[in-house]
Protein backbone atom coordinates (compact mmCIF):
# COMPACT_ATOMS: atom_id res chain seq x y z
CA MET A 1 11.93 -33.76 13.35
CA VAL A 2 14.83 -34.36 10.88
CA HIS A 3 16.47 -37.72 10.97
CA THR A 4 20.56 -37.60 11.13
CA GLU A 5 20.33 -39.85 8.02
CA MET A 6 19.22 -37.47 5.91
CA ASP A 7 22.11 -36.19 4.21
CA PRO A 8 21.47 -34.49 1.41
CA ALA A 9 24.13 -35.31 -0.54
CA GLN A 10 23.48 -38.88 -0.98
CA TYR A 11 20.02 -37.56 -2.94
CA ALA A 12 19.49 -36.26 -6.40
CA ASP A 13 17.10 -33.14 -4.75
CA ASP A 14 14.96 -33.00 -1.81
CA ALA A 15 12.68 -34.78 -3.46
CA ALA A 16 14.11 -38.26 -3.15
CA MET A 17 15.24 -37.34 0.59
CA TRP A 18 12.37 -36.98 1.30
CA ASP A 19 10.58 -39.82 -0.50
CA ALA A 20 13.49 -41.88 0.82
CA ARG A 21 12.66 -40.77 3.97
CA TYR A 22 9.01 -41.92 3.96
CA ALA A 23 9.73 -45.54 2.37
CA SER A 24 12.39 -46.53 5.14
CA ALA A 25 9.16 -47.43 7.31
CA GLU A 26 5.26 -47.89 7.26
CA ARG A 27 4.50 -44.40 9.67
CA ILE A 28 7.45 -41.96 10.63
CA TRP A 29 5.26 -39.42 12.76
CA SER A 30 2.33 -40.11 15.58
CA GLY A 31 -0.30 -40.07 13.38
CA GLU A 32 -1.85 -37.57 16.15
CA PRO A 33 -2.28 -33.91 15.49
CA ASN A 34 0.48 -30.81 16.73
CA VAL A 35 -0.65 -29.94 19.64
CA VAL A 36 0.56 -26.22 19.39
CA LEU A 37 -2.33 -26.50 16.42
CA VAL A 38 -5.21 -27.74 17.99
CA ARG A 39 -4.28 -25.44 21.20
CA GLU A 40 -4.43 -21.99 18.71
CA VAL A 41 -6.72 -22.91 15.87
CA ALA A 42 -9.35 -24.87 18.07
CA GLN A 43 -11.33 -21.75 18.62
CA LEU A 44 -10.95 -20.37 15.18
CA SER A 45 -14.13 -20.41 13.09
CA PRO A 46 -13.46 -23.81 9.90
CA GLY A 47 -12.79 -21.66 6.85
CA ARG A 48 -10.53 -22.96 4.21
CA ALA A 49 -6.77 -24.09 5.10
CA LEU A 50 -3.36 -24.09 3.74
CA ASP A 51 -0.67 -26.90 6.00
CA LEU A 52 2.50 -27.00 4.27
CA GLY A 53 4.55 -29.73 4.77
CA CYS A 54 1.74 -31.95 5.84
CA GLY A 55 3.64 -35.33 5.81
CA GLU A 56 1.45 -38.25 6.46
CA GLY A 57 -1.48 -35.94 6.72
CA ALA A 58 -2.42 -35.86 10.40
CA ASP A 59 -2.92 -32.03 11.41
CA SER A 60 -4.68 -31.91 7.20
CA VAL A 61 -6.92 -34.66 8.91
CA TRP A 62 -7.47 -33.19 12.56
CA LEU A 63 -8.40 -29.67 10.45
CA ALA A 64 -10.99 -31.50 8.10
CA ARG A 65 -12.56 -32.76 11.04
CA GLN A 66 -13.10 -29.72 12.96
CA GLY A 67 -14.93 -28.42 9.51
CA TRP A 68 -11.83 -26.92 7.54
CA ARG A 69 -11.37 -27.26 3.98
CA VAL A 70 -7.55 -27.91 3.92
CA THR A 71 -5.14 -28.13 1.12
CA GLY A 72 -2.52 -30.30 2.16
CA VAL A 73 1.28 -29.79 0.58
CA ASP A 74 4.71 -31.95 0.31
CA ILE A 75 7.38 -32.12 -1.86
CA SER A 76 6.77 -35.85 -0.96
CA GLU A 77 4.83 -38.50 -3.38
CA VAL A 78 4.69 -40.93 -0.20
CA ALA A 79 3.79 -39.00 1.98
CA LEU A 80 1.13 -37.22 0.13
CA GLU A 81 -0.10 -40.56 -1.01
CA ARG A 82 0.07 -42.32 2.76
CA ALA A 83 -1.95 -38.65 3.68
CA ALA A 84 -4.84 -39.60 1.15
CA GLY A 85 -4.49 -42.96 2.76
CA HIS A 86 -5.34 -41.70 6.26
CA ALA A 87 -8.16 -39.12 4.97
CA ARG A 88 -9.90 -42.06 2.82
CA ASP A 89 -9.96 -43.48 6.59
CA ALA A 90 -11.01 -40.91 8.76
CA GLY A 91 -13.75 -40.41 5.97
CA VAL A 92 -12.78 -36.56 5.20
CA ALA A 93 -11.27 -37.20 1.99
CA ASP A 94 -13.78 -35.10 0.96
CA ARG A 95 -12.71 -31.91 2.69
CA VAL A 96 -9.02 -32.37 1.39
CA GLU A 97 -6.52 -31.40 -1.98
CA TRP A 98 -3.10 -33.02 -1.87
CA ARG A 99 -0.99 -31.01 -3.94
CA ARG A 100 2.65 -31.58 -4.53
CA HIS A 101 4.75 -29.08 -4.13
CA ASP A 102 8.81 -28.09 -3.54
CA LEU A 103 8.00 -24.63 -2.08
CA ALA A 104 11.17 -23.83 -2.83
CA GLU A 105 10.00 -22.96 -6.50
CA SER A 106 6.27 -23.09 -6.32
CA PHE A 107 3.37 -22.37 -3.89
CA PRO A 108 -0.15 -23.29 -4.15
CA GLU A 109 -2.18 -20.47 -5.45
CA GLY A 110 -5.38 -18.58 -3.76
CA GLU A 111 -6.04 -16.90 0.10
CA TYR A 112 -6.59 -19.23 3.01
CA ASP A 113 -8.10 -18.54 6.62
CA LEU A 114 -4.41 -20.47 8.05
CA VAL A 115 -2.24 -20.81 6.39
CA SER A 116 -0.39 -23.33 8.86
CA ALA A 117 3.66 -24.27 8.82
CA GLN A 118 4.74 -26.93 11.97
CA PHE A 119 8.30 -27.66 12.10
CA LEU A 120 9.04 -26.68 8.48
CA HIS A 121 12.29 -28.01 9.18
CA THR A 122 14.59 -29.56 6.36
CA PRO A 123 18.49 -30.33 5.63
CA GLY A 124 18.12 -29.48 1.88
CA THR A 125 17.45 -26.42 -0.08
CA LEU A 126 14.52 -24.83 1.48
CA PRO A 127 14.85 -21.10 1.59
CA ARG A 128 12.52 -20.88 4.63
CA GLU A 129 11.75 -17.82 5.25
CA GLN A 130 10.69 -16.79 1.93
CA VAL A 131 8.34 -19.44 1.75
CA LEU A 132 6.88 -18.24 5.38
CA ARG A 133 6.47 -14.97 3.56
CA ARG A 134 4.78 -16.38 0.73
CA ALA A 135 2.68 -17.67 3.29
CA ALA A 136 1.81 -14.52 4.95
CA ALA A 137 1.09 -13.64 1.27
CA ALA A 138 -1.42 -16.06 1.33
CA VAL A 139 -3.44 -14.92 4.38
CA ALA A 140 -6.46 -13.93 3.64
CA PRO A 141 -8.10 -10.85 5.57
CA GLY A 142 -9.11 -11.85 9.19
CA GLY A 143 -6.35 -15.06 9.12
CA VAL A 144 -4.56 -16.74 11.02
CA LEU A 145 -0.34 -17.46 9.97
CA LEU A 146 0.53 -20.41 12.49
CA VAL A 147 4.13 -21.67 12.56
CA GLU A 148 5.40 -23.74 14.66
CA GLY A 149 9.67 -24.35 15.12
CA HIS A 150 12.01 -25.77 16.63
CA SER A 151 14.23 -23.10 18.75
CA SER A 152 17.52 -25.72 18.73
CA PRO A 153 18.93 -29.43 17.24
CA SER A 154 17.66 -32.06 19.10
CA PRO A 155 20.46 -34.51 21.34
CA TRP A 156 20.49 -36.91 17.83
CA GLN A 157 20.98 -33.89 15.38
CA GLN A 158 24.78 -32.71 16.41
CA ASP A 159 26.27 -34.27 13.54
CA HIS A 160 28.02 -32.33 10.62
CA HIS A 161 24.85 -32.80 7.87
CA HIS A 162 22.46 -30.31 9.38
CA ALA A 163 24.84 -26.84 10.16
CA ASP A 164 23.19 -25.37 7.71
CA LEU A 165 19.89 -26.23 9.22
CA GLN A 166 17.53 -23.18 9.77
CA LEU A 167 16.31 -22.92 13.62
CA PRO A 168 15.62 -18.99 13.75
CA SER A 169 14.33 -17.64 17.60
CA PRO A 170 10.42 -16.93 17.22
CA GLN A 171 11.09 -12.94 17.25
CA GLN A 172 13.71 -13.66 13.95
CA VAL A 173 10.79 -15.73 12.58
CA VAL A 174 8.10 -12.39 13.10
CA THR A 175 11.23 -10.09 11.92
CA ASP A 176 11.87 -12.12 8.63
CA LEU A 177 8.39 -12.80 7.96
CA ARG A 178 8.13 -8.81 7.18
CA LEU A 179 4.84 -7.88 8.20
CA PRO A 180 3.29 -4.63 6.69
CA GLU A 181 3.09 -2.05 9.50
CA GLY A 182 -0.50 -2.06 10.64
CA GLU A 183 -1.57 -4.88 8.54
CA TRP A 184 -1.35 -7.46 10.87
CA GLU A 185 -1.23 -8.24 14.62
CA VAL A 186 1.18 -10.19 16.62
CA LEU A 187 -1.19 -12.75 18.62
CA VAL A 188 1.81 -15.46 19.77
CA CYS A 189 5.84 -14.66 19.72
CA GLU A 190 7.55 -17.35 22.00
CA ASP A 191 9.98 -19.95 23.08
CA HIS A 192 8.32 -22.77 24.96
CA ASP A 193 9.11 -26.77 26.23
CA ARG A 194 8.30 -29.80 24.88
CA VAL A 195 8.63 -33.58 25.83
CA GLN A 196 9.44 -35.36 22.56
CA LYS A 197 10.01 -38.99 21.95
CA GLY A 198 13.97 -39.48 20.17
CA PRO A 199 15.22 -42.28 17.27
CA ASP A 200 15.40 -44.96 19.92
CA GLY A 201 12.45 -44.15 22.18
CA GLU A 202 13.54 -42.28 25.13
CA GLU A 203 11.54 -39.41 26.18
CA VAL A 204 14.23 -35.65 26.10
CA HIS A 205 13.12 -32.23 26.01
CA ARG A 206 13.78 -30.05 23.67
CA ARG A 207 13.32 -26.00 22.96
CA ASP A 208 10.18 -24.92 20.58
CA ASN A 209 9.02 -21.66 19.50
CA THR A 210 5.26 -20.64 18.39
CA VAL A 211 4.52 -17.50 16.14
CA LYS A 212 1.17 -16.70 15.63
CA VAL A 213 0.37 -13.18 13.81
CA ARG A 214 -2.86 -12.35 12.16
CA ARG A 215 -4.12 -10.35 9.33
CA LEU A 216 -6.17 -7.44 9.89
CA PRO A 217 -9.80 -7.50 8.69
CA ARG A 218 -10.39 -4.47 5.63
């Protein structure tokens, strides 16, 4: 979810923008893991997981509780400090490593059995297609890439600040991944409705999409 006060022109860079966003309140997100992550990952055997854009760490903490060894990545130091605190409170600090990356410039090394990119949208300069291709390249044989995104702006995001926000269809996400033929299988590629609370607490319906692809074992 991106809020209308996040105008990139007001900040020195994307890191400053997101640090300001997280510093604006004690908690930005619900603290609960993303519903699609829980649904699509619950039946997978735990291994190494990479949580891109981990924010305050709810998904990373949930994964760690399920037995995964998690690397949580975000551009915001404020978010990562908060996420580390939540992991300590949950008793899983030893199962999660927090790393700061501006994904437009750097990407975590290694291979992962699960790479999760949940709502990796920003009004800043993130080259989302390139980042997701690097995410796919980081998936180990037999592993899964799970991408959840918005299909359209929310009612409160209709201003000019977000005219360049990338909200591709699930089919476009799969196309943009440029997956080598014969090396991957597409498990999920679909739009779906979701009820979400807006900035004023009201419930709104919006359209999201899910892409789940698996690298075939060698």
